[in-house]
Protein backbone atom coordinates (compact mmCIF):
# COMPACT_ATOMS: atom_id res chain seq x y z
CA PRO A 1 -13.26 -5.40 4.60
CA VAL A 2 -11.52 -8.05 3.39
CA VAL A 3 -8.47 -6.44 1.97
CA MET A 4 -8.16 -4.17 4.90
CA ALA A 5 -7.79 -7.05 7.12
CA GLY A 6 -5.15 -8.65 4.10
CA VAL A 7 -3.18 -5.58 4.48
CA LEU A 8 -2.43 -6.42 8.31
CA GLY A 9 -0.93 -9.99 7.69
CA ILE A 10 1.35 -7.88 5.06
CA TYR A 11 2.51 -5.63 8.28
CA GLY A 12 3.90 -8.77 9.82
CA LEU A 13 5.75 -9.52 6.66
CA ILE A 14 7.38 -6.56 6.48
CA THR A 15 8.35 -6.75 10.37
CA ALA A 16 9.76 -10.14 9.83
CA VAL A 17 12.01 -8.97 6.85
CA ILE A 18 13.45 -6.19 8.36
CA ILE A 19 14.05 -7.99 11.77
CA ASN A 20 15.58 -11.12 9.65
CA GLY A 21 17.71 -8.30 7.84
CA LYS A 22 19.39 -7.07 11.19
CA MET A 23 20.02 -10.91 12.50
CA ASP A 24 23.77 -11.87 12.43
CA ALA A 25 24.64 -15.00 14.09
CA ALA A 26 28.07 -13.96 15.14
CA ASN A 27 27.19 -11.18 17.32
CA TYR A 28 23.72 -11.27 18.12
CA SER A 29 23.14 -10.39 21.68
CA ALA A 30 20.29 -11.61 24.06
CA TYR A 31 19.26 -7.73 24.11
CA SER A 32 18.67 -7.71 20.39
CA GLY A 33 16.60 -11.18 20.70
CA TYR A 34 13.93 -9.77 23.26
CA ALA A 35 13.95 -6.55 21.22
CA HIS A 36 13.36 -8.12 18.28
CA LEU A 37 10.58 -10.51 20.07
CA GLY A 38 9.04 -7.44 21.73
CA ALA A 39 8.81 -5.94 18.11
CA GLY A 40 7.12 -9.04 16.43
CA LEU A 41 4.70 -9.35 19.46
CA THR A 42 3.55 -5.66 19.09
CA VAL A 43 2.95 -5.64 15.64
CA GLY A 44 1.23 -9.22 16.05
CA MET A 45 -0.81 -7.99 18.77
CA SER A 46 -1.97 -4.82 17.49
CA SER A 47 -2.42 -6.54 13.98
CA LEU A 48 -4.76 -9.16 15.95
CA ALA A 49 -7.02 -6.26 17.72
CA ALA A 50 -7.27 -4.14 14.36
CA GLY A 51 -8.58 -7.16 12.47
CA LEU A 52 -10.95 -8.11 15.45
CA ALA A 53 -12.21 -4.44 15.20
CA ILE A 54 -12.21 -4.56 11.60
CA GLY A 55 -14.31 -7.81 11.85
CA ILE A 56 -16.83 -6.65 14.05
CA VAL A 57 -17.64 -3.35 12.37
CA GLY A 58 -17.82 -5.17 8.61
CA ASP A 59 -20.22 -7.40 9.90
CA ALA A 60 -22.42 -4.67 11.46
CA GLY A 61 -21.56 -2.45 8.74
CA VAL A 62 -22.85 -4.60 6.02
CA ARG A 63 -25.55 -5.39 7.62
CA ALA A 64 -26.83 -2.15 8.86
CA ASN A 65 -25.83 -1.03 5.39
CA ALA A 66 -28.25 -3.51 3.83
CA GLN A 67 -31.32 -1.70 5.72
CA GLN A 68 -29.79 1.87 5.37
CA PRO A 69 -27.36 2.61 2.47
CA ARG A 70 -26.69 6.20 3.95
CA LEU A 71 -24.60 4.16 6.38
CA PHE A 72 -21.98 3.24 4.08
CA VAL A 73 -19.67 6.34 4.56
CA GLY A 74 -19.52 6.34 8.49
CA MET A 75 -18.80 2.36 8.07
CA ILE A 76 -15.82 3.17 6.02
CA LEU A 77 -14.75 5.62 8.00
CA ILE A 78 -14.44 3.46 11.00
CA LEU A 79 -13.01 0.69 9.29
CA ILE A 80 -10.08 3.01 8.38
CA PHE A 81 -9.54 3.98 12.16
CA ALA A 82 -9.57 0.25 12.98
CA GLU A 83 -6.73 -0.23 10.22
CA ALA A 84 -5.07 2.90 12.08
CA LEU A 85 -4.63 0.54 14.96
CA GLY A 86 -2.35 -2.07 12.83
CA LEU A 87 -0.64 0.80 11.47
CA TYR A 88 0.52 2.44 14.69
CA GLY A 89 1.58 -1.36 15.73
CA LEU A 90 3.58 -1.43 12.76
CA ILE A 91 5.39 2.18 13.54
CA VAL A 92 6.43 1.25 17.44
CA GLY A 93 7.66 -2.65 16.22
CA LEU A 94 9.93 -1.13 13.39
CA VAL A 95 11.12 1.81 16.00
CA VAL A 96 11.99 -1.01 18.42
CA ALA A 97 13.61 -3.38 15.91
CA SER A 98 15.49 -0.63 14.48
CA THR A 99 17.15 0.76 17.39
CA ALA A 100 17.67 -2.88 19.33
CA GLU A 101 21.37 -3.18 17.95
CA GLY A 102 22.35 0.12 19.16
CA LYS A 103 21.26 0.23 22.71
CA GLY A 104 22.21 -3.19 23.62
CA LYS A 105 25.99 -2.93 23.18
CA GLY A 106 27.32 -4.97 26.00
CA LEU A 107 24.26 -5.34 28.49
CA CYS A 108 23.97 -8.96 28.25
CA SER A 109 26.88 -11.20 27.69
CA PRO A 110 27.01 -14.80 26.92
CA TYR A 111 28.10 -17.17 29.76
CA ASN A 112 31.09 -18.65 27.61
CA VAL A 113 33.31 -15.46 28.11
């Protein structure tokens, strides 16, 4: 369970690197900023939910595995499904972050123009 929860932090790091690569101070619109904020929040909140699920299942699974060793495979399967929540959030966040710059042209203009 500890290794699986550590992967969730890597998801946030991947998203941060991709968003940082798309930022350009000269033509960074408010639309792109809000889209990148949404992408980061999507990955963060889905990783938080997946980490909570991994923690609860890991705790209950380790206690149950001590009493009945046959439950190990079922515990691992449930942990994999909990990890999938974070992976789905990563996919959605990457889609939002990658399409932010193309769709926001001309929607939000600065006040000094």
